[in-house]
Amino acid sequence: MSYSTPSQVVARQLEYFEGKHVLLAGELEDTFATELVSCAESVSIFTTNLAYANQMRRYDSLNVQFGEAYEAMPNVDMVLLYWPKAKAEAEFLLSMLMAALGQDTEIVVVGENRSGVRSIEKMFAPYGKVTKFDSARRCGFYWGQCVNEPSPFILADWFKSYPLHLGEQTLTIRSLPGVFSHGELDVGSQLLLDTLPTLKGDVFDFGCGAGVIGAAIKLRYPTVNITMADISALAVASARETLRFNQLDGNVLASDVYSEISSTFDHIVSNPPFHAGLKTHYAATETFLQHAPQFLNRQGQLTVVANSFLRYPPFIEAAFGHCYTPAKNNKFAIYHAIKTA
């Protein structure tokens, strides 16, 4: 079995987990949790990624929790935190987990040096002290313990807001740490919003993030029925909060591409994700593009924005028989296709 580099480093230090009730959280990518079962008293997982949750739920020896906020499980006395790619998400997870688990909880933090894992020493100071006990494969392995009474965790306090101006109208975007475009609008989404076709009927925003595109569509075209989906529970919570805050209606759900989608649409609009951790990865977007016609009504339209270096047109052409490029700048391109069959 091939494990991520951080998991390989953890595997060198299994004595830390002997007899412990271990909770894994953070940037989880592999099935190493199943190996911990052999030495830990119990192993549970908290993840905000639906695909990972579904993958690990196949193992009866693991207790898997998926969501935007951790609900304390009984007996957990150690956290194994895989350092996330965003520092703000690491702070968010630490605050959430320490508040739920309390004093005396041990913590192991592992991550690649280039991801900023060294920040854990300063970040953990309000809870206690962590010390680096191993360094290998360009990763750090830290152990510590929560000795101070953690502050209460209130999810609403972690939303960050910024205004999005759409002509004479303004939206307030609300997002949690770790969500795409957290705190500011990305250039690709701006280009997409500037070049959207006229929309009506049922519209699906895939990979919705904080709900920027879906909320903007609903504000601009109030009669549209908007559905938004994302694999991240943090994104789903953010998109729902963006709609609520702006008094807009819409359906937001967690879905692994189309796994939870059962209806068809007149338009599919997306700024699809292509980053996973510190590596470029867009297999999910390829699946999204290849199967898009199955989720479109006749004459339904697909409109996506993407970095120009990503070779999406061949996938769109294979699915639709054509691919138009109605707009392009030095970094992003808009791709458009219509279901004719």
Protein backbone atom coordinates (compact mmCIF):
# COMPACT_ATOMS: atom_id res chain seq x y z
CA MET A 1 0.00 0.00 0.00
CA SER A 2 1.36 3.42 -1.00
CA TYR A 3 0.96 6.12 1.64
CA SER A 4 1.48 9.87 1.51
CA THR A 5 4.83 11.24 2.65
CA PRO A 6 3.38 12.53 5.97
CA SER A 7 1.89 9.09 6.65
CA GLN A 8 5.24 7.47 5.98
CA VAL A 9 6.75 9.70 8.66
CA VAL A 10 3.96 8.84 11.12
CA ALA A 11 4.64 5.15 10.45
CA ARG A 12 8.14 5.66 11.95
CA GLN A 13 6.58 6.74 15.26
CA LEU A 14 3.80 4.25 15.98
CA GLU A 15 4.72 4.02 19.66
CA TYR A 16 3.07 7.43 20.19
CA PHE A 17 -0.30 5.88 19.36
CA GLU A 18 -0.16 2.66 21.37
CA GLY A 19 -3.29 2.27 23.49
CA LYS A 20 -4.64 5.68 22.47
CA HIS A 21 -8.07 6.66 21.15
CA VAL A 22 -6.87 8.55 18.07
CA LEU A 23 -8.79 11.07 15.96
CA LEU A 24 -7.38 11.86 12.50
CA ALA A 25 -8.16 15.23 10.91
CA GLY A 26 -6.79 17.68 8.36
CA GLU A 27 -5.34 16.99 4.91
CA LEU A 28 -6.17 13.28 4.79
CA GLU A 29 -5.32 11.52 1.53
CA ASP A 30 -4.73 7.81 2.12
CA THR A 31 -5.87 4.77 4.12
CA PHE A 32 -3.12 4.93 6.75
CA ALA A 33 -5.82 5.13 9.43
CA THR A 34 -6.39 1.41 8.90
CA GLU A 35 -2.76 0.74 9.88
CA LEU A 36 -3.14 2.65 13.15
CA VAL A 37 -5.89 0.27 14.22
CA SER A 38 -3.24 -2.36 14.94
CA CYS A 39 -1.61 -0.28 17.69
CA ALA A 40 -4.20 2.27 18.83
CA GLU A 41 -7.11 1.42 21.10
CA SER A 42 -9.49 3.02 18.60
CA VAL A 43 -9.25 5.16 15.46
CA SER A 44 -11.76 7.72 14.26
CA ILE A 45 -11.74 10.29 11.47
CA PHE A 46 -13.10 13.80 11.11
CA THR A 47 -13.06 15.05 7.53
CA THR A 48 -14.62 17.88 5.58
CA ASN A 49 -14.10 16.01 2.28
CA LEU A 50 -17.05 13.86 1.19
CA ALA A 51 -15.04 11.63 -1.17
CA TYR A 52 -12.57 10.77 1.60
CA ALA A 53 -15.39 10.14 4.06
CA ASN A 54 -17.09 7.75 1.66
CA GLN A 55 -13.80 5.96 0.96
CA MET A 56 -13.02 5.40 4.66
CA ARG A 57 -16.57 4.42 5.62
CA ARG A 58 -15.90 1.11 3.89
CA TYR A 59 -13.72 0.08 6.85
CA ASP A 60 -15.76 -1.20 9.79
CA SER A 61 -12.87 -0.60 12.20
CA LEU A 62 -13.08 3.17 11.73
CA ASN A 63 -15.59 5.71 13.02
CA VAL A 64 -15.92 8.39 10.32
CA GLN A 65 -17.51 11.79 10.79
CA PHE A 66 -18.11 14.18 7.87
CA GLY A 67 -19.17 17.79 8.27
CA GLU A 68 -18.10 21.40 8.74
CA ALA A 69 -18.00 21.17 12.56
CA TYR A 70 -16.65 18.34 14.71
CA GLU A 71 -19.06 16.74 17.14
CA ALA A 72 -17.10 15.21 19.99
CA MET A 73 -16.81 11.43 19.93
CA PRO A 74 -16.42 9.52 23.21
CA ASN A 75 -12.99 8.54 24.54
CA VAL A 76 -10.80 10.47 22.07
CA ASP A 77 -7.58 11.38 23.88
CA MET A 78 -5.23 12.09 20.95
CA VAL A 79 -5.50 14.06 17.71
CA LEU A 80 -3.37 13.23 14.68
CA LEU A 81 -3.55 16.39 12.57
CA TYR A 82 -2.34 16.27 8.99
CA TRP A 83 -1.36 19.87 8.31
CA PRO A 84 -3.79 21.45 5.80
CA LYS A 85 -2.66 23.54 2.84
CA ALA A 86 -4.13 26.76 4.29
CA LYS A 87 -2.77 28.13 7.56
CA ALA A 88 -6.16 29.64 8.38
CA GLU A 89 -7.72 26.17 8.11
CA ALA A 90 -5.14 24.80 10.54
CA GLU A 91 -6.10 27.48 13.08
CA PHE A 92 -9.78 26.69 12.49
CA LEU A 93 -9.28 22.95 13.03
CA LEU A 94 -7.16 23.43 16.13
CA SER A 95 -9.71 25.74 17.73
CA MET A 96 -12.56 23.36 16.89
CA LEU A 97 -10.87 20.15 18.02
CA MET A 98 -9.29 21.48 21.21
CA ALA A 99 -12.58 23.10 22.28
CA ALA A 100 -14.40 19.81 21.75
CA LEU A 101 -11.80 17.54 23.35
CA GLY A 102 -10.46 19.79 26.11
CA GLN A 103 -7.50 19.76 28.43
CA ASP A 104 -5.08 16.81 28.54
CA THR A 105 -5.73 15.93 24.90
CA GLU A 106 -2.50 14.93 23.20
CA ILE A 107 -1.79 16.09 19.67
CA VAL A 108 0.49 14.88 16.90
CA VAL A 109 0.95 17.19 13.92
CA VAL A 110 2.61 16.06 10.69
CA GLY A 111 3.10 17.85 7.41
CA GLU A 112 5.47 18.78 4.65
CA ASN A 113 7.87 21.60 5.50
CA ARG A 114 6.89 23.53 2.37
CA SER A 115 3.26 23.53 3.55
CA GLY A 116 4.17 25.68 6.54
CA VAL A 117 3.87 23.00 9.22
CA ARG A 118 6.56 24.78 11.27
CA SER A 119 3.85 27.32 12.17
CA ILE A 120 2.33 24.79 14.57
CA GLU A 121 4.80 25.69 17.34
CA LYS A 122 3.51 29.28 17.54
CA MET A 123 -0.09 28.41 16.63
CA PHE A 124 -0.46 25.85 19.43
CA ALA A 125 0.90 28.19 22.12
CA PRO A 126 -2.57 29.17 23.47
CA TYR A 127 -3.22 25.47 24.22
CA GLY A 128 0.19 24.27 25.34
CA LYS A 129 3.54 23.37 23.85
CA VAL A 130 4.40 21.19 20.88
CA THR A 131 7.87 19.86 20.18
CA LYS A 132 9.38 18.49 16.98
CA PHE A 133 10.39 14.86 17.48
CA ASP A 134 11.13 13.71 13.95
CA SER A 135 12.12 15.14 10.60
CA ALA A 136 12.23 12.99 7.50
CA ARG A 137 11.27 13.11 3.84
CA ARG A 138 11.01 16.91 4.12
CA CYS A 139 8.30 16.54 6.74
CA GLY A 140 8.05 17.49 10.39
CA PHE A 141 6.50 15.36 13.16
CA TYR A 142 5.39 17.22 16.30
CA TRP A 143 3.92 16.07 19.62
CA GLY A 144 2.26 18.16 22.29
CA GLN A 145 -0.58 18.32 24.78
CA CYS A 146 -3.39 20.74 25.53
CA VAL A 147 -2.75 21.95 29.09
CA ASN A 148 -4.77 25.21 29.05
CA GLU A 149 -8.54 25.50 29.04
CA PRO A 150 -9.47 26.06 25.36
CA SER A 151 -11.76 28.92 24.40
CA PRO A 152 -15.26 27.94 23.22
CA PHE A 153 -15.55 27.29 19.49
CA ILE A 154 -18.32 29.21 17.70
CA LEU A 155 -18.56 28.39 14.00
CA ALA A 156 -20.21 31.70 13.11
CA ASP A 157 -17.13 33.60 14.34
CA TRP A 158 -14.99 32.00 11.63
CA PHE A 159 -16.87 33.30 8.61
CA LYS A 160 -15.02 36.00 6.69
CA SER A 161 -16.97 38.51 4.60
CA TYR A 162 -16.17 40.59 1.53
CA PRO A 163 -18.34 42.60 -0.88
CA LEU A 164 -18.89 41.57 -4.49
CA HIS A 165 -20.10 44.38 -6.72
CA LEU A 166 -22.31 43.36 -9.62
CA GLY A 167 -23.20 46.50 -11.49
CA GLU A 168 -25.47 48.49 -9.20
CA GLN A 169 -26.03 45.47 -6.94
CA THR A 170 -23.74 44.15 -4.20
CA LEU A 171 -23.42 40.71 -2.66
CA THR A 172 -21.72 39.87 0.61
CA ILE A 173 -19.71 36.67 0.24
CA ARG A 174 -19.28 34.62 3.42
CA SER A 175 -16.64 31.92 3.65
CA LEU A 176 -14.92 29.65 6.14
CA PRO A 177 -11.15 29.00 6.18
CA GLY A 178 -9.96 26.50 3.60
CA VAL A 179 -12.68 27.39 1.10
CA PHE A 180 -11.71 28.51 -2.40
CA SER A 181 -11.63 32.33 -2.75
CA HIS A 182 -11.67 32.74 1.03
CA GLY A 183 -11.81 36.46 1.70
CA GLU A 184 -11.49 37.67 -1.89
CA LEU A 185 -12.82 37.06 -5.40
CA ASP A 186 -10.50 35.15 -7.72
CA VAL A 187 -9.78 36.48 -11.22
CA GLY A 188 -11.25 33.43 -12.96
CA SER A 189 -14.62 33.76 -11.26
CA GLN A 190 -14.68 37.46 -12.13
CA LEU A 191 -14.16 36.65 -15.82
CA LEU A 192 -16.92 34.04 -15.67
CA LEU A 193 -19.37 36.47 -14.08
CA ASP A 194 -18.49 39.11 -16.68
CA THR A 195 -19.21 36.76 -19.60
CA LEU A 196 -22.17 34.66 -18.44
CA PRO A 197 -24.90 34.05 -21.02
CA THR A 198 -28.50 34.92 -20.15
CA LEU A 199 -29.68 32.23 -17.73
CA LYS A 200 -33.12 30.83 -17.00
CA GLY A 201 -34.71 27.66 -15.67
CA ASP A 202 -32.63 25.26 -13.58
CA VAL A 203 -28.96 26.11 -13.08
CA PHE A 204 -26.25 23.98 -11.46
CA ASP A 205 -23.06 25.50 -9.99
CA PHE A 206 -20.49 22.70 -9.67
CA GLY A 207 -17.62 23.18 -7.20
CA CYS A 208 -19.44 26.14 -5.71
CA GLY A 209 -16.91 27.12 -3.04
CA ALA A 210 -18.34 29.98 -1.01
CA GLY A 211 -21.27 30.31 -3.41
CA VAL A 212 -19.94 33.29 -5.36
CA ILE A 213 -21.17 32.20 -8.80
CA GLY A 214 -24.46 30.65 -7.68
CA ALA A 215 -25.40 33.63 -5.50
CA ALA A 216 -24.46 36.10 -8.24
CA ILE A 217 -26.63 34.20 -10.71
CA LYS A 218 -29.57 34.18 -8.31
CA LEU A 219 -29.19 37.92 -7.66
CA ARG A 220 -28.99 38.71 -11.38
CA TYR A 221 -31.72 36.26 -12.46
CA PRO A 222 -34.15 35.94 -9.51
CA THR A 223 -36.44 33.44 -11.29
CA VAL A 224 -33.64 30.91 -11.77
CA ASN A 225 -33.70 27.74 -9.65
CA ILE A 226 -30.10 27.46 -8.44
CA THR A 227 -28.45 24.27 -7.19
CA MET A 228 -24.91 24.39 -5.85
CA ALA A 229 -22.66 21.49 -4.90
CA ASP A 230 -19.17 20.99 -3.54
CA ILE A 231 -17.19 18.07 -2.15
CA SER A 232 -16.17 20.17 0.86
CA ALA A 233 -18.44 20.53 3.88
CA LEU A 234 -16.76 23.88 4.59
CA ALA A 235 -17.71 25.08 1.11
CA VAL A 236 -21.29 23.84 1.47
CA ALA A 237 -21.64 25.65 4.81
CA SER A 238 -20.14 28.80 3.27
CA ALA A 239 -22.42 28.76 0.22
CA ARG A 240 -25.48 28.26 2.42
CA GLU A 241 -24.37 31.15 4.62
CA THR A 242 -23.79 33.38 1.56
CA LEU A 243 -27.32 32.68 0.37
CA ARG A 244 -28.79 33.21 3.85
CA PHE A 245 -26.88 36.42 4.47
CA ASN A 246 -28.06 37.90 1.17
CA GLN A 247 -31.64 36.63 1.58
CA LEU A 248 -31.43 34.46 -1.54
CA ASP A 249 -32.99 31.06 -2.18
CA GLY A 250 -31.06 28.06 -3.42
CA ASN A 251 -30.25 24.40 -2.83
CA VAL A 252 -26.73 23.59 -1.62
CA LEU A 253 -25.48 20.05 -1.05
CA ALA A 254 -22.34 18.03 -0.59
CA SER A 255 -21.61 15.88 -3.63
CA ASP A 256 -18.62 14.03 -5.07
CA VAL A 257 -19.02 15.42 -8.61
CA TYR A 258 -22.49 14.10 -9.53
CA SER A 259 -22.80 11.48 -6.76
CA GLU A 260 -25.73 13.25 -5.06
CA ILE A 261 -27.22 14.88 -8.17
CA SER A 262 -30.42 13.28 -9.47
CA SER A 263 -31.98 16.02 -11.61
CA THR A 264 -31.11 17.67 -14.93
CA PHE A 265 -30.48 21.32 -15.67
CA ASP A 266 -30.81 23.96 -18.34
CA HIS A 267 -27.37 25.36 -17.52
CA ILE A 268 -24.28 24.07 -15.77
CA VAL A 269 -21.89 26.83 -14.71
CA SER A 270 -18.58 26.28 -12.97
CA ASN A 271 -15.16 27.47 -11.97
CA PRO A 272 -14.06 23.85 -11.44
CA PRO A 273 -11.42 22.91 -8.88
CA PHE A 274 -8.04 21.58 -9.93
CA HIS A 275 -5.91 21.84 -6.79
CA ALA A 276 -5.62 19.03 -4.25
CA GLY A 277 -3.19 19.66 -1.43
CA LEU A 278 0.11 20.96 -2.78
CA LYS A 279 -0.24 19.15 -6.11
CA THR A 280 -2.16 19.92 -9.29
CA HIS A 281 -4.98 17.43 -9.65
CA TYR A 282 -8.13 17.69 -11.74
CA ALA A 283 -9.46 14.17 -12.31
CA ALA A 284 -12.76 15.20 -10.70
CA THR A 285 -13.13 18.02 -13.23
CA GLU A 286 -12.48 15.65 -16.11
CA THR A 287 -15.29 13.44 -14.78
CA PHE A 288 -17.49 16.52 -14.38
CA LEU A 289 -16.95 17.54 -18.02
CA GLN A 290 -17.28 14.05 -19.50
CA HIS A 291 -20.64 13.39 -17.83
CA ALA A 292 -22.09 16.90 -18.09
CA PRO A 293 -24.42 16.07 -21.04
CA GLN A 294 -26.18 13.44 -18.89
CA PHE A 295 -27.22 16.18 -16.46
CA LEU A 296 -28.33 18.72 -19.06
CA ASN A 297 -31.75 19.05 -20.68
CA ARG A 298 -31.95 19.24 -24.46
CA GLN A 299 -30.29 22.48 -25.62
CA GLY A 300 -28.81 22.75 -22.15
CA GLN A 301 -25.59 24.75 -21.91
CA LEU A 302 -22.24 24.27 -20.17
CA THR A 303 -20.14 27.32 -19.27
CA VAL A 304 -16.85 26.95 -17.38
CA VAL A 305 -13.80 29.06 -16.65
CA ALA A 306 -10.34 27.52 -16.33
CA ASN A 307 -6.67 28.37 -16.31
CA SER A 308 -5.56 28.44 -19.94
CA PHE A 309 -2.87 25.82 -19.34
CA LEU A 310 -5.47 23.20 -18.38
CA ARG A 311 -6.44 21.13 -21.39
CA TYR A 312 -10.18 20.99 -20.89
CA PRO A 313 -11.35 21.59 -24.51
CA PRO A 314 -10.61 17.98 -25.61
CA PHE A 315 -12.82 16.64 -22.80
CA ILE A 316 -15.61 19.08 -23.65
CA GLU A 317 -15.34 18.26 -27.36
CA ALA A 318 -15.49 14.53 -26.62
CA ALA A 319 -18.62 15.03 -24.51
CA PHE A 320 -20.47 17.59 -26.65
CA GLY A 321 -18.91 17.32 -30.10
CA HIS A 322 -17.71 20.94 -29.93
CA CYS A 323 -16.18 23.52 -27.61
CA TYR A 324 -16.39 27.30 -28.02
CA THR A 325 -14.13 29.88 -26.38
CA PRO A 326 -16.24 33.06 -26.07
CA ALA A 327 -13.71 34.89 -23.87
CA LYS A 328 -10.07 34.64 -22.93
CA ASN A 329 -7.34 36.68 -21.25
CA ASN A 330 -3.67 36.05 -20.54
CA LYS A 331 -4.47 33.57 -17.76
CA PHE A 332 -8.04 32.26 -18.03
CA ALA A 333 -10.41 31.04 -20.73
CA ILE A 334 -14.19 30.62 -20.85
CA TYR A 335 -15.37 27.40 -22.49
CA HIS A 336 -18.92 26.91 -23.69
CA ALA A 337 -20.88 24.01 -25.17
CA ILE A 338 -24.52 23.17 -25.95
CA LYS A 339 -26.21 19.79 -25.73
CA THR A 340 -27.84 19.23 -29.12
CA ALA A 341 -28.68 15.53 -28.99
